[in-house]
Structure formats: structure tokens, C-alpha cells
């Protein structure tokens, strides 16, 4: 994750319980989004990846999300605390 761009990988487990990538994509932020704080960029990246993959996630019985930042976990676990920017997404 950077202030310039972000990427994601959607994977599924095969018969040997190994992750096999099925989709991957990256996006370059525009000047407006690139000015978000680091925590907002991380959370927006997560939102963007889930939104981009929603077609493949609908009906998933088990979903595991792996991110490399702890404050996203804190934001998700405390949904009652919303930054104003997040409310506009």
C-alpha cells in the first residue's frame, strides 16, 4: 500500500489447502484520494477491494480477509466510530 496506488489479490483454497490466486488488480489513486491520511487510505483500499470483488464474494460461506495493518482491524471492530470521509463512501 502506498499513497500512489494499491493492489489486491482474491484467492481460494485448493484441495491441498493452498491459496490459489483467482483475481488480482491494482489502482492508481487520483490526487484527491492520495491526500487522505495513511489510515484512511488503508481503510479505503480495503473498501475498494471488497467492492471490486463483490461479484465473486456473494454467497461465500467462509471469507478470510488478510491485511497487513492493525488499525484497519481496530476500525472494523469499532464500527460505531466513523471518520467523516468514510461515511461518504
N, C-alpha and C. Protein backbone atom coordinates (compact mmCIF):
# COMPACT_ATOMS: atom_id res chain seq x y z
N UNK A 1 0.85 -1.18 0.00
CA UNK A 1 0.00 0.00 0.00
C UNK A 1 0.89 1.23 0.00
N UNK A 2 0.57 2.17 -0.84
CA UNK A 2 1.31 3.42 -0.87
C UNK A 2 0.32 4.56 -1.07
N UNK A 3 0.83 5.77 -1.04
CA UNK A 3 -0.06 6.90 -1.28
C UNK A 3 -0.31 7.09 -2.77
N UNK A 4 0.33 6.30 -3.61
CA UNK A 4 0.18 6.42 -5.06
C UNK A 4 -0.80 5.38 -5.61
N UNK A 5 -0.71 4.15 -5.10
CA UNK A 5 -1.52 3.07 -5.66
C UNK A 5 -1.75 1.98 -4.61
N UNK A 6 -2.63 1.06 -4.95
CA UNK A 6 -2.93 -0.07 -4.08
C UNK A 6 -3.27 -1.28 -4.96
N UNK A 7 -3.10 -2.46 -4.42
CA UNK A 7 -3.45 -3.67 -5.15
C UNK A 7 -4.06 -4.70 -4.22
N UNK A 8 -4.72 -5.68 -4.81
CA UNK A 8 -5.31 -6.76 -4.00
C UNK A 8 -5.20 -8.07 -4.77
N UNK A 9 -5.35 -9.16 -4.03
CA UNK A 9 -5.39 -10.50 -4.61
C UNK A 9 -6.58 -11.21 -3.99
N UNK A 10 -7.41 -11.83 -4.82
CA UNK A 10 -8.50 -12.68 -4.37
C UNK A 10 -8.06 -14.11 -4.64
N UNK A 11 -8.08 -14.93 -3.61
CA UNK A 11 -7.60 -16.31 -3.76
C UNK A 11 -8.61 -17.27 -3.15
N UNK A 12 -8.52 -18.52 -3.56
CA UNK A 12 -9.34 -19.57 -2.96
C UNK A 12 -8.44 -20.75 -2.63
N UNK A 13 -8.89 -21.58 -1.70
CA UNK A 13 -8.11 -22.74 -1.30
C UNK A 13 -8.36 -23.90 -2.25
N UNK A 14 -7.29 -24.60 -2.62
CA UNK A 14 -7.44 -25.77 -3.47
C UNK A 14 -7.56 -27.02 -2.59
N UNK A 15 -7.57 -28.19 -3.20
CA UNK A 15 -7.74 -29.45 -2.47
C UNK A 15 -6.61 -29.71 -1.48
N UNK A 16 -5.43 -29.15 -1.72
CA UNK A 16 -4.30 -29.31 -0.81
C UNK A 16 -4.25 -28.18 0.22
N UNK A 17 -5.32 -27.40 0.32
CA UNK A 17 -5.43 -26.31 1.29
C UNK A 17 -4.40 -25.20 1.03
N UNK A 18 -4.05 -25.00 -0.22
CA UNK A 18 -3.13 -23.92 -0.61
C UNK A 18 -3.93 -22.81 -1.28
N UNK A 19 -3.48 -21.58 -1.08
CA UNK A 19 -4.15 -20.45 -1.70
C UNK A 19 -3.78 -20.35 -3.18
N UNK A 20 -4.79 -20.26 -4.02
CA UNK A 20 -4.59 -20.09 -5.46
C UNK A 20 -5.22 -18.76 -5.88
N UNK A 21 -4.42 -17.83 -6.37
CA UNK A 21 -4.99 -16.55 -6.81
C UNK A 21 -6.00 -16.75 -7.94
N UNK A 22 -7.13 -16.07 -7.83
CA UNK A 22 -8.15 -16.12 -8.88
C UNK A 22 -8.34 -14.76 -9.54
N UNK A 23 -8.12 -13.71 -8.80
CA UNK A 23 -8.24 -12.35 -9.31
C UNK A 23 -7.18 -11.48 -8.65
N UNK A 24 -6.66 -10.53 -9.38
CA UNK A 24 -5.77 -9.53 -8.79
C UNK A 24 -5.87 -8.26 -9.61
N UNK A 25 -5.66 -7.15 -8.95
CA UNK A 25 -5.83 -5.86 -9.61
C UNK A 25 -5.11 -4.79 -8.81
N UNK A 26 -4.77 -3.71 -9.48
CA UNK A 26 -4.21 -2.55 -8.81
C UNK A 26 -4.90 -1.30 -9.35
N UNK A 27 -4.82 -0.25 -8.59
CA UNK A 27 -5.42 1.02 -9.00
C UNK A 27 -4.50 2.15 -8.54
N UNK A 28 -4.41 3.17 -9.36
CA UNK A 28 -3.65 4.37 -9.00
C UNK A 28 -4.63 5.39 -8.44
N UNK A 29 -4.30 5.96 -7.30
CA UNK A 29 -5.17 6.95 -6.68
C UNK A 29 -5.14 8.26 -7.45
N UNK A 30 -6.25 8.97 -7.45
CA UNK A 30 -6.25 10.31 -8.02
C UNK A 30 -5.66 11.28 -6.99
N UNK A 31 -5.45 12.52 -7.37
CA UNK A 31 -4.80 13.49 -6.47
C UNK A 31 -5.60 13.72 -5.20
N UNK A 32 -6.92 13.69 -5.30
CA UNK A 32 -7.76 13.93 -4.12
C UNK A 32 -7.61 12.80 -3.10
N UNK A 33 -7.76 11.56 -3.54
CA UNK A 33 -7.66 10.41 -2.63
C UNK A 33 -6.25 10.26 -2.09
N UNK A 34 -5.24 10.56 -2.89
CA UNK A 34 -3.85 10.44 -2.45
C UNK A 34 -3.53 11.35 -1.27
N UNK A 35 -4.37 12.35 -1.00
CA UNK A 35 -4.14 13.25 0.12
C UNK A 35 -4.78 12.76 1.42
N UNK A 36 -5.50 11.63 1.38
CA UNK A 36 -6.06 11.07 2.62
C UNK A 36 -4.93 10.69 3.56
N UNK A 37 -5.23 10.62 4.84
CA UNK A 37 -4.24 10.15 5.82
C UNK A 37 -3.95 8.67 5.55
N UNK A 38 -2.86 8.18 6.09
CA UNK A 38 -2.47 6.79 5.86
C UNK A 38 -3.56 5.82 6.31
N UNK A 39 -4.14 6.06 7.47
CA UNK A 39 -5.18 5.14 7.96
C UNK A 39 -6.41 5.17 7.06
N UNK A 40 -6.79 6.33 6.56
CA UNK A 40 -7.94 6.40 5.66
C UNK A 40 -7.63 5.73 4.32
N UNK A 41 -6.39 5.87 3.84
CA UNK A 41 -6.01 5.18 2.61
C UNK A 41 -6.09 3.67 2.78
N UNK A 42 -5.63 3.19 3.92
CA UNK A 42 -5.67 1.75 4.18
C UNK A 42 -7.10 1.25 4.21
N UNK A 43 -7.97 1.95 4.92
CA UNK A 43 -9.36 1.53 5.02
C UNK A 43 -10.07 1.67 3.68
N UNK A 44 -9.82 2.73 2.96
CA UNK A 44 -10.44 2.91 1.64
C UNK A 44 -9.96 1.82 0.67
N UNK A 45 -8.71 1.43 0.77
CA UNK A 45 -8.19 0.35 -0.07
C UNK A 45 -8.94 -0.95 0.20
N UNK A 46 -9.17 -1.23 1.46
CA UNK A 46 -9.92 -2.42 1.86
C UNK A 46 -11.35 -2.35 1.30
N UNK A 47 -12.00 -1.21 1.46
CA UNK A 47 -13.35 -1.00 0.93
C UNK A 47 -13.37 -1.19 -0.59
N UNK A 48 -12.40 -0.59 -1.27
CA UNK A 48 -12.32 -0.67 -2.72
C UNK A 48 -12.15 -2.11 -3.19
N UNK A 49 -11.29 -2.88 -2.52
CA UNK A 49 -11.04 -4.27 -2.91
C UNK A 49 -12.30 -5.12 -2.71
N UNK A 50 -12.99 -4.95 -1.58
CA UNK A 50 -14.22 -5.71 -1.35
C UNK A 50 -15.29 -5.34 -2.38
N UNK A 51 -15.41 -4.07 -2.67
CA UNK A 51 -16.40 -3.62 -3.66
C UNK A 51 -16.07 -4.19 -5.04
N UNK A 52 -14.80 -4.19 -5.41
CA UNK A 52 -14.38 -4.70 -6.71
C UNK A 52 -14.61 -6.21 -6.84
N UNK A 53 -14.57 -6.92 -5.72
CA UNK A 53 -14.71 -8.38 -5.73
C UNK A 53 -16.10 -8.87 -5.36
N UNK A 54 -17.05 -7.97 -5.17
CA UNK A 54 -18.35 -8.38 -4.64
C UNK A 54 -19.03 -9.45 -5.48
N UNK A 55 -18.85 -9.43 -6.78
CA UNK A 55 -19.46 -10.44 -7.64
C UNK A 55 -18.99 -11.85 -7.26
N UNK A 56 -17.73 -12.00 -6.88
CA UNK A 56 -17.18 -13.30 -6.53
C UNK A 56 -17.35 -13.63 -5.05
N UNK A 57 -17.67 -12.64 -4.23
CA UNK A 57 -17.82 -12.86 -2.79
C UNK A 57 -19.25 -13.18 -2.37
N UNK A 58 -20.23 -12.79 -3.18
CA UNK A 58 -21.63 -13.05 -2.84
C UNK A 58 -21.83 -14.56 -2.73
N UNK A 59 -22.38 -14.99 -1.62
CA UNK A 59 -22.64 -16.40 -1.40
C UNK A 59 -21.47 -17.16 -0.79
N UNK A 60 -20.37 -16.49 -0.55
CA UNK A 60 -19.22 -17.17 0.07
C UNK A 60 -19.60 -17.62 1.48
N UNK A 61 -19.36 -18.88 1.79
CA UNK A 61 -19.70 -19.40 3.11
C UNK A 61 -18.62 -19.09 4.13
N UNK A 62 -17.39 -19.03 3.68
CA UNK A 62 -16.27 -18.67 4.54
C UNK A 62 -15.47 -17.60 3.82
N UNK A 63 -15.19 -16.53 4.53
CA UNK A 63 -14.41 -15.43 3.95
C UNK A 63 -13.33 -15.05 4.94
N UNK A 64 -12.11 -15.09 4.49
CA UNK A 64 -10.98 -14.70 5.32
C UNK A 64 -10.30 -13.50 4.67
N UNK A 65 -10.18 -12.42 5.43
CA UNK A 65 -9.55 -11.21 4.93
C UNK A 65 -8.20 -11.06 5.62
N UNK A 66 -7.15 -10.91 4.83
CA UNK A 66 -5.82 -10.70 5.38
C UNK A 66 -5.35 -9.31 4.97
N UNK A 67 -4.99 -8.51 5.96
CA UNK A 67 -4.44 -7.18 5.71
C UNK A 67 -3.16 -7.06 6.51
N UNK A 68 -2.31 -6.14 6.12
CA UNK A 68 -1.02 -6.02 6.80
C UNK A 68 -0.95 -4.82 7.73
N UNK A 69 -2.11 -4.30 8.15
CA UNK A 69 -2.11 -3.17 9.08
C UNK A 69 -3.11 -3.43 10.20
N UNK A 70 -2.72 -3.13 11.43
CA UNK A 70 -3.55 -3.41 12.59
C UNK A 70 -4.67 -2.40 12.78
N UNK A 71 -4.49 -1.14 12.33
CA UNK A 71 -5.55 -0.18 12.62
C UNK A 71 -6.78 -0.40 11.76
N UNK A 72 -6.69 -1.11 10.66
CA UNK A 72 -7.90 -1.48 9.93
C UNK A 72 -8.73 -2.41 10.80
N UNK A 73 -8.08 -3.36 11.44
CA UNK A 73 -8.79 -4.28 12.33
C UNK A 73 -9.50 -3.49 13.43
N UNK A 74 -8.83 -2.50 13.99
CA UNK A 74 -9.44 -1.68 15.02
C UNK A 74 -10.64 -0.91 14.51
N UNK A 75 -10.55 -0.38 13.29
CA UNK A 75 -11.67 0.36 12.71
C UNK A 75 -12.86 -0.56 12.43
N UNK A 76 -12.57 -1.77 11.99
CA UNK A 76 -13.65 -2.72 11.70
C UNK A 76 -14.30 -3.21 12.99
N UNK A 77 -13.49 -3.44 14.02
CA UNK A 77 -14.03 -3.91 15.30
C UNK A 77 -14.76 -2.83 16.07
N UNK A 78 -14.58 -1.55 15.72
CA UNK A 78 -15.27 -0.43 16.37
C UNK A 78 -16.05 0.36 15.33
N UNK A 79 -17.08 -0.24 14.73
CA UNK A 79 -17.80 0.45 13.65
C UNK A 79 -18.58 1.67 14.10
N UNK A 80 -18.77 1.82 15.42
CA UNK A 80 -19.51 2.98 15.93
C UNK A 80 -18.70 4.27 15.82
N UNK A 81 -17.40 4.16 15.59
CA UNK A 81 -16.54 5.34 15.44
C UNK A 81 -16.22 5.49 13.96
N UNK A 82 -16.87 6.44 13.29
CA UNK A 82 -16.70 6.64 11.85
C UNK A 82 -16.05 7.97 11.54
N UNK A 83 -14.93 7.95 10.83
CA UNK A 83 -14.41 9.22 10.31
C UNK A 83 -15.39 9.77 9.27
N UNK A 84 -15.48 11.07 9.14
CA UNK A 84 -16.42 11.68 8.21
C UNK A 84 -16.21 11.24 6.77
N UNK A 85 -14.98 11.08 6.35
CA UNK A 85 -14.71 10.67 4.97
C UNK A 85 -15.30 9.31 4.68
N UNK A 86 -15.16 8.38 5.62
CA UNK A 86 -15.67 7.03 5.43
C UNK A 86 -17.18 7.04 5.23
N UNK A 87 -17.88 7.93 5.91
CA UNK A 87 -19.33 7.99 5.80
C UNK A 87 -19.78 8.38 4.40
N UNK A 88 -18.94 9.05 3.63
CA UNK A 88 -19.31 9.47 2.28
C UNK A 88 -19.05 8.41 1.22
N UNK A 89 -18.39 7.32 1.55
CA UNK A 89 -18.10 6.28 0.57
C UNK A 89 -19.37 5.54 0.27
